[in-house]
Amino acid sequence: MKRRYFIALLVAGSAAGGVARLEAATTREVEVIAEKFDYTPDMIKAKVGQPLTFVLTSVDRIHGFKMPDFGVRTDIVPGVDTRVTITPTKVGKFAYFCDVFCGDGHEEMAGTLVVEA
């Protein structure tokens, strides 16, 4: 009886580990470069239910990255990769923008996440 219990635990643990590896493998990474008044790219496409990691880098100064529809807010520091992962749950267009003032033109520093079914 103990042997069956042990084997059942071993199989269940292996299956759970496989699921975790599968999830990690399906997370898509998108590099976003922040620079005075601009994000590159300024439009990103994603699928509902597919985890998406933004790898944020600044080339010139501290910028912000805010995506209110997903509750995301972080600083982007030059020379440091900042990673933010979301899993979109609905179709639509969602804004992201800089919320750290970087001079005239700051209000134009924005982009769009387009989530498709």
N, C-alpha and C. Protein backbone atom coordinates (compact mmCIF):
# COMPACT_ATOMS: atom_id res chain seq x y z
N MET A 1 0.83 -1.21 0.00
CA MET A 1 0.00 0.00 0.00
C MET A 1 0.87 1.26 0.00
N LYS A 2 1.91 1.27 0.83
CA LYS A 2 2.79 2.44 0.87
C LYS A 2 3.47 2.66 -0.48
N ARG A 3 3.81 1.55 -1.13
CA ARG A 3 4.48 1.67 -2.43
C ARG A 3 3.55 2.31 -3.46
N ARG A 4 2.28 1.92 -3.49
CA ARG A 4 1.31 2.52 -4.42
C ARG A 4 1.14 4.01 -4.15
N TYR A 5 1.07 4.35 -2.88
CA TYR A 5 0.92 5.75 -2.48
C TYR A 5 2.13 6.56 -2.95
N PHE A 6 3.31 6.01 -2.76
CA PHE A 6 4.54 6.68 -3.16
C PHE A 6 4.57 6.87 -4.68
N ILE A 7 4.21 5.83 -5.43
CA ILE A 7 4.20 5.91 -6.89
C ILE A 7 3.18 6.95 -7.36
N ALA A 8 2.01 6.98 -6.73
CA ALA A 8 0.98 7.96 -7.09
C ALA A 8 1.50 9.39 -6.85
N LEU A 9 2.17 9.61 -5.73
CA LEU A 9 2.74 10.94 -5.44
C LEU A 9 3.82 11.30 -6.45
N LEU A 10 4.64 10.34 -6.80
CA LEU A 10 5.71 10.57 -7.76
C LEU A 10 5.15 10.95 -9.13
N VAL A 11 4.14 10.24 -9.58
CA VAL A 11 3.51 10.52 -10.88
C VAL A 11 2.84 11.89 -10.85
N ALA A 12 2.11 12.19 -9.79
CA ALA A 12 1.43 13.48 -9.68
C ALA A 12 2.43 14.63 -9.66
N GLY A 13 3.52 14.46 -8.93
CA GLY A 13 4.55 15.50 -8.86
C GLY A 13 5.20 15.72 -10.21
N SER A 14 5.46 14.65 -10.95
CA SER A 14 6.06 14.77 -12.27
C SER A 14 5.12 15.48 -13.23
N ALA A 15 3.84 15.16 -13.17
CA ALA A 15 2.85 15.80 -14.04
C ALA A 15 2.76 17.29 -13.74
N ALA A 16 2.74 17.65 -12.46
CA ALA A 16 2.65 19.06 -12.08
C ALA A 16 3.88 19.82 -12.56
N GLY A 17 5.05 19.21 -12.44
CA GLY A 17 6.28 19.83 -12.92
C GLY A 17 6.24 20.04 -14.42
N GLY A 18 5.68 19.09 -15.15
CA GLY A 18 5.54 19.22 -16.60
C GLY A 18 4.64 20.38 -16.99
N VAL A 19 3.56 20.56 -16.23
CA VAL A 19 2.65 21.67 -16.49
C VAL A 19 3.36 23.00 -16.24
N ALA A 20 4.12 23.10 -15.17
CA ALA A 20 4.85 24.33 -14.87
C ALA A 20 5.85 24.65 -15.98
N ARG A 21 6.56 23.61 -16.47
CA ARG A 21 7.51 23.84 -17.55
C ARG A 21 6.80 24.25 -18.83
N LEU A 22 5.64 23.67 -19.10
CA LEU A 22 4.86 24.02 -20.28
C LEU A 22 4.41 25.47 -20.21
N GLU A 23 3.94 25.92 -19.03
CA GLU A 23 3.53 27.31 -18.87
C GLU A 23 4.70 28.25 -19.10
N ALA A 24 5.85 27.92 -18.53
CA ALA A 24 7.03 28.77 -18.70
C ALA A 24 7.43 28.84 -20.17
N ALA A 25 7.29 27.73 -20.88
CA ALA A 25 7.69 27.69 -22.28
C ALA A 25 6.74 28.50 -23.15
N THR A 26 5.50 28.69 -22.75
CA THR A 26 4.55 29.40 -23.58
C THR A 26 4.46 30.90 -23.27
N THR A 27 5.21 31.37 -22.31
CA THR A 27 5.23 32.81 -22.01
C THR A 27 6.03 33.51 -23.10
N ARG A 28 5.41 34.49 -23.71
CA ARG A 28 6.05 35.25 -24.79
C ARG A 28 6.73 36.48 -24.20
N GLU A 29 7.95 36.75 -24.63
CA GLU A 29 8.67 37.93 -24.19
C GLU A 29 8.72 38.96 -25.30
N VAL A 30 8.49 40.22 -24.93
CA VAL A 30 8.57 41.33 -25.87
C VAL A 30 9.50 42.38 -25.29
N GLU A 31 10.53 42.73 -26.04
CA GLU A 31 11.45 43.77 -25.60
C GLU A 31 10.87 45.13 -25.95
N VAL A 32 10.82 46.01 -24.95
CA VAL A 32 10.32 47.37 -25.15
C VAL A 32 11.43 48.33 -24.73
N ILE A 33 11.84 49.17 -25.67
CA ILE A 33 12.88 50.16 -25.41
C ILE A 33 12.22 51.50 -25.14
N ALA A 34 12.58 52.11 -24.02
CA ALA A 34 12.07 53.44 -23.67
C ALA A 34 13.18 54.46 -23.92
N GLU A 35 12.81 55.54 -24.58
CA GLU A 35 13.74 56.63 -24.79
C GLU A 35 12.92 57.90 -24.91
N LYS A 36 13.52 59.02 -24.59
CA LYS A 36 12.79 60.28 -24.48
C LYS A 36 11.67 60.40 -25.52
N PHE A 37 10.44 60.42 -25.01
CA PHE A 37 9.20 60.61 -25.76
C PHE A 37 8.77 59.42 -26.62
N ASP A 38 9.37 58.24 -26.44
CA ASP A 38 9.07 57.14 -27.35
C ASP A 38 9.25 55.77 -26.69
N TYR A 39 8.34 54.86 -27.05
CA TYR A 39 8.51 53.44 -26.76
C TYR A 39 8.67 52.73 -28.10
N THR A 40 9.57 51.77 -28.16
CA THR A 40 9.73 50.94 -29.35
C THR A 40 9.63 49.48 -28.92
N PRO A 41 8.64 48.74 -29.39
CA PRO A 41 7.57 49.14 -30.29
C PRO A 41 6.49 49.91 -29.54
N ASP A 42 5.67 50.64 -30.30
CA ASP A 42 4.57 51.37 -29.69
C ASP A 42 3.24 50.65 -29.87
N MET A 43 3.30 49.47 -30.52
CA MET A 43 2.11 48.61 -30.59
C MET A 43 2.57 47.16 -30.48
N ILE A 44 1.91 46.43 -29.58
CA ILE A 44 2.24 45.03 -29.33
C ILE A 44 0.95 44.23 -29.45
N LYS A 45 1.02 43.09 -30.13
CA LYS A 45 -0.14 42.20 -30.24
C LYS A 45 0.06 41.00 -29.33
N ALA A 46 -1.05 40.57 -28.71
CA ALA A 46 -1.02 39.42 -27.81
C ALA A 46 -2.31 38.64 -27.97
N LYS A 47 -2.33 37.45 -27.39
CA LYS A 47 -3.51 36.59 -27.42
C LYS A 47 -4.09 36.47 -26.01
N VAL A 48 -5.40 36.37 -25.94
CA VAL A 48 -6.07 36.16 -24.65
C VAL A 48 -5.54 34.86 -24.04
N GLY A 49 -5.20 34.92 -22.78
CA GLY A 49 -4.77 33.72 -22.05
C GLY A 49 -3.31 33.37 -22.20
N GLN A 50 -2.57 34.02 -23.11
CA GLN A 50 -1.15 33.73 -23.28
C GLN A 50 -0.34 34.71 -22.43
N PRO A 51 0.43 34.20 -21.46
CA PRO A 51 1.26 35.09 -20.65
C PRO A 51 2.23 35.89 -21.54
N LEU A 52 2.41 37.15 -21.18
CA LEU A 52 3.25 38.06 -21.95
C LEU A 52 4.17 38.78 -20.97
N THR A 53 5.47 38.69 -21.22
CA THR A 53 6.44 39.38 -20.39
C THR A 53 7.04 40.54 -21.16
N PHE A 54 6.89 41.73 -20.61
CA PHE A 54 7.52 42.92 -21.16
C PHE A 54 8.92 42.99 -20.56
N VAL A 55 9.94 43.06 -21.41
CA VAL A 55 11.32 43.26 -20.95
C VAL A 55 11.62 44.72 -21.28
N LEU A 56 11.60 45.55 -20.25
CA LEU A 56 11.67 47.01 -20.40
C LEU A 56 13.09 47.51 -20.17
N THR A 57 13.58 48.34 -21.10
CA THR A 57 14.92 48.90 -20.99
C THR A 57 14.87 50.38 -21.39
N SER A 58 15.61 51.21 -20.69
CA SER A 58 15.73 52.62 -21.05
C SER A 58 17.13 52.88 -21.59
N VAL A 59 17.20 53.71 -22.61
CA VAL A 59 18.52 54.05 -23.17
C VAL A 59 19.03 55.41 -22.72
N ASP A 60 18.19 56.20 -22.03
CA ASP A 60 18.65 57.55 -21.72
C ASP A 60 18.41 58.04 -20.29
N ARG A 61 17.33 57.68 -19.66
CA ARG A 61 17.01 58.20 -18.32
C ARG A 61 15.94 57.32 -17.70
N ILE A 62 15.54 57.62 -16.48
CA ILE A 62 14.46 56.88 -15.85
C ILE A 62 13.14 57.26 -16.51
N HIS A 63 12.39 56.25 -16.89
CA HIS A 63 11.05 56.43 -17.44
C HIS A 63 10.10 55.59 -16.60
N GLY A 64 8.83 55.82 -16.78
CA GLY A 64 7.82 55.00 -16.13
C GLY A 64 7.14 54.11 -17.16
N PHE A 65 6.49 53.07 -16.67
CA PHE A 65 5.67 52.20 -17.52
C PHE A 65 4.40 51.92 -16.75
N LYS A 66 3.30 52.44 -17.26
CA LYS A 66 2.02 52.27 -16.57
C LYS A 66 1.01 51.70 -17.56
N MET A 67 0.31 50.67 -17.11
CA MET A 67 -0.73 50.02 -17.89
C MET A 67 -1.91 49.81 -16.94
N PRO A 68 -2.75 50.83 -16.78
CA PRO A 68 -3.81 50.80 -15.77
C PRO A 68 -4.78 49.63 -15.88
N ASP A 69 -5.10 49.21 -17.11
CA ASP A 69 -6.06 48.12 -17.28
C ASP A 69 -5.58 46.79 -16.71
N PHE A 70 -4.27 46.67 -16.49
CA PHE A 70 -3.71 45.44 -15.93
C PHE A 70 -3.06 45.67 -14.56
N GLY A 71 -3.24 46.87 -14.02
CA GLY A 71 -2.69 47.16 -12.70
C GLY A 71 -1.17 47.19 -12.66
N VAL A 72 -0.54 47.57 -13.77
CA VAL A 72 0.92 47.56 -13.87
C VAL A 72 1.46 48.97 -13.74
N ARG A 73 2.49 49.11 -12.93
CA ARG A 73 3.21 50.38 -12.77
C ARG A 73 4.62 50.07 -12.30
N THR A 74 5.63 50.50 -13.09
CA THR A 74 7.02 50.28 -12.70
C THR A 74 7.90 51.37 -13.29
N ASP A 75 9.10 51.50 -12.74
CA ASP A 75 10.10 52.40 -13.31
C ASP A 75 10.98 51.60 -14.26
N ILE A 76 11.49 52.29 -15.27
CA ILE A 76 12.45 51.70 -16.21
C ILE A 76 13.76 52.48 -16.01
N VAL A 77 14.78 51.78 -15.55
CA VAL A 77 16.05 52.40 -15.20
C VAL A 77 17.09 52.07 -16.28
N PRO A 78 17.86 53.07 -16.73
CA PRO A 78 18.88 52.79 -17.75
C PRO A 78 19.84 51.68 -17.31
N GLY A 79 20.13 50.79 -18.25
CA GLY A 79 21.09 49.71 -17.98
C GLY A 79 20.53 48.53 -17.21
N VAL A 80 19.24 48.57 -16.87
CA VAL A 80 18.62 47.48 -16.10
C VAL A 80 17.40 46.97 -16.86
N ASP A 81 17.33 45.66 -17.06
CA ASP A 81 16.12 45.08 -17.65
C ASP A 81 15.07 44.92 -16.56
N THR A 82 13.91 45.52 -16.77
CA THR A 82 12.79 45.37 -15.85
C THR A 82 11.77 44.47 -16.52
N ARG A 83 11.35 43.42 -15.82
CA ARG A 83 10.43 42.44 -16.39
C ARG A 83 9.07 42.56 -15.72
N VAL A 84 8.03 42.62 -16.56
CA VAL A 84 6.65 42.66 -16.08
C VAL A 84 5.87 41.63 -16.88
N THR A 85 5.19 40.73 -16.17
CA THR A 85 4.42 39.68 -16.85
C THR A 85 2.94 39.87 -16.56
N ILE A 86 2.15 39.78 -17.62
CA ILE A 86 0.69 39.83 -17.50
C ILE A 86 0.11 38.66 -18.29
N THR A 87 -1.12 38.32 -17.98
CA THR A 87 -1.87 37.36 -18.79
C THR A 87 -3.19 38.02 -19.15
N PRO A 88 -3.30 38.49 -20.40
CA PRO A 88 -4.54 39.17 -20.81
C PRO A 88 -5.74 38.23 -20.71
N THR A 89 -6.84 38.76 -20.17
CA THR A 89 -8.05 37.95 -20.00
C THR A 89 -9.21 38.44 -20.84
N LYS A 90 -8.98 39.53 -21.59
CA LYS A 90 -10.07 40.06 -22.43
C LYS A 90 -9.49 40.67 -23.70
N VAL A 91 -10.31 40.64 -24.74
CA VAL A 91 -9.94 41.21 -26.03
C VAL A 91 -10.10 42.72 -25.98
N GLY A 92 -9.21 43.44 -26.67
CA GLY A 92 -9.34 44.88 -26.74
C GLY A 92 -8.01 45.57 -26.98
N LYS A 93 -8.05 46.90 -26.92
CA LYS A 93 -6.85 47.73 -27.04
C LYS A 93 -6.62 48.40 -25.69
N PHE A 94 -5.39 48.28 -25.20
CA PHE A 94 -5.06 48.77 -23.87
C PHE A 94 -3.81 49.66 -23.94
N ALA A 95 -3.91 50.82 -23.34
CA ALA A 95 -2.82 51.80 -23.39
C ALA A 95 -1.74 51.49 -22.36
N TYR A 96 -0.50 51.77 -22.74
CA TYR A 96 0.60 51.87 -21.78
C TYR A 96 1.30 53.20 -22.05
N PHE A 97 1.84 53.80 -20.99
CA PHE A 97 2.42 55.12 -21.15
C PHE A 97 3.44 55.39 -20.06
N CYS A 98 4.25 56.41 -20.31
CA CYS A 98 5.25 56.85 -19.33
C CYS A 98 4.58 57.79 -18.33
N ASP A 99 4.81 57.52 -17.05
CA ASP A 99 4.25 58.40 -16.02
C ASP A 99 5.33 59.10 -15.20
N VAL A 100 6.54 59.17 -15.77
CA VAL A 100 7.64 59.93 -15.16
C VAL A 100 7.99 61.04 -16.14
N PHE A 101 7.75 62.28 -15.76
CA PHE A 101 7.95 63.41 -16.67
C PHE A 101 9.37 63.42 -17.22
N CYS A 102 9.49 63.50 -18.55
CA CYS A 102 10.80 63.48 -19.19
C CYS A 102 10.99 64.66 -20.14
N GLY A 103 10.20 65.71 -19.99
CA GLY A 103 10.37 66.91 -20.80
C GLY A 103 9.22 67.15 -21.75
N ASP A 104 9.33 68.22 -22.56
CA ASP A 104 8.30 68.53 -23.55
C ASP A 104 8.19 67.35 -24.50
N GLY A 105 6.99 66.90 -24.73
CA GLY A 105 6.77 65.72 -25.56
C GLY A 105 6.47 64.48 -24.74
N HIS A 106 6.62 64.59 -23.42
CA HIS A 106 6.38 63.46 -22.51
C HIS A 106 4.98 62.87 -22.70
N GLU A 107 3.99 63.72 -22.89
CA GLU A 107 2.60 63.25 -22.99
C GLU A 107 2.37 62.39 -24.22
N GLU A 108 3.30 62.41 -25.18
CA GLU A 108 3.18 61.59 -26.39
C GLU A 108 3.81 60.20 -26.21
N MET A 109 4.47 59.98 -25.09
CA MET A 109 5.19 58.71 -24.86
C MET A 109 4.18 57.65 -24.43
N ALA A 110 3.65 56.93 -25.42
CA ALA A 110 2.60 55.95 -25.14
C ALA A 110 2.63 54.84 -26.18
N GLY A 111 1.94 53.77 -25.86
CA GLY A 111 1.81 52.66 -26.79
C GLY A 111 0.50 51.93 -26.55
N THR A 112 0.25 50.91 -27.37
CA THR A 112 -0.99 50.17 -27.28
C THR A 112 -0.71 48.67 -27.30
N LEU A 113 -1.34 47.96 -26.38
CA LEU A 113 -1.36 46.50 -26.39
C LEU A 113 -2.68 46.09 -27.02
N VAL A 114 -2.59 45.33 -28.13
CA VAL A 114 -3.79 44.83 -28.82
C VAL A 114 -3.93 43.35 -28.48
N VAL A 115 -5.00 43.02 -27.76
CA VAL A 115 -5.24 41.63 -27.35
C VAL A 115 -6.33 41.04 -28.24
N GLU A 116 -5.98 39.93 -28.89
CA GLU A 116 -6.90 39.25 -29.81
C GLU A 116 -7.29 37.90 -29.23
N ALA A 117 -8.41 37.36 -29.74
CA ALA A 117 -8.91 36.06 -29.27
C ALA A 117 -8.02 34.94 -29.77
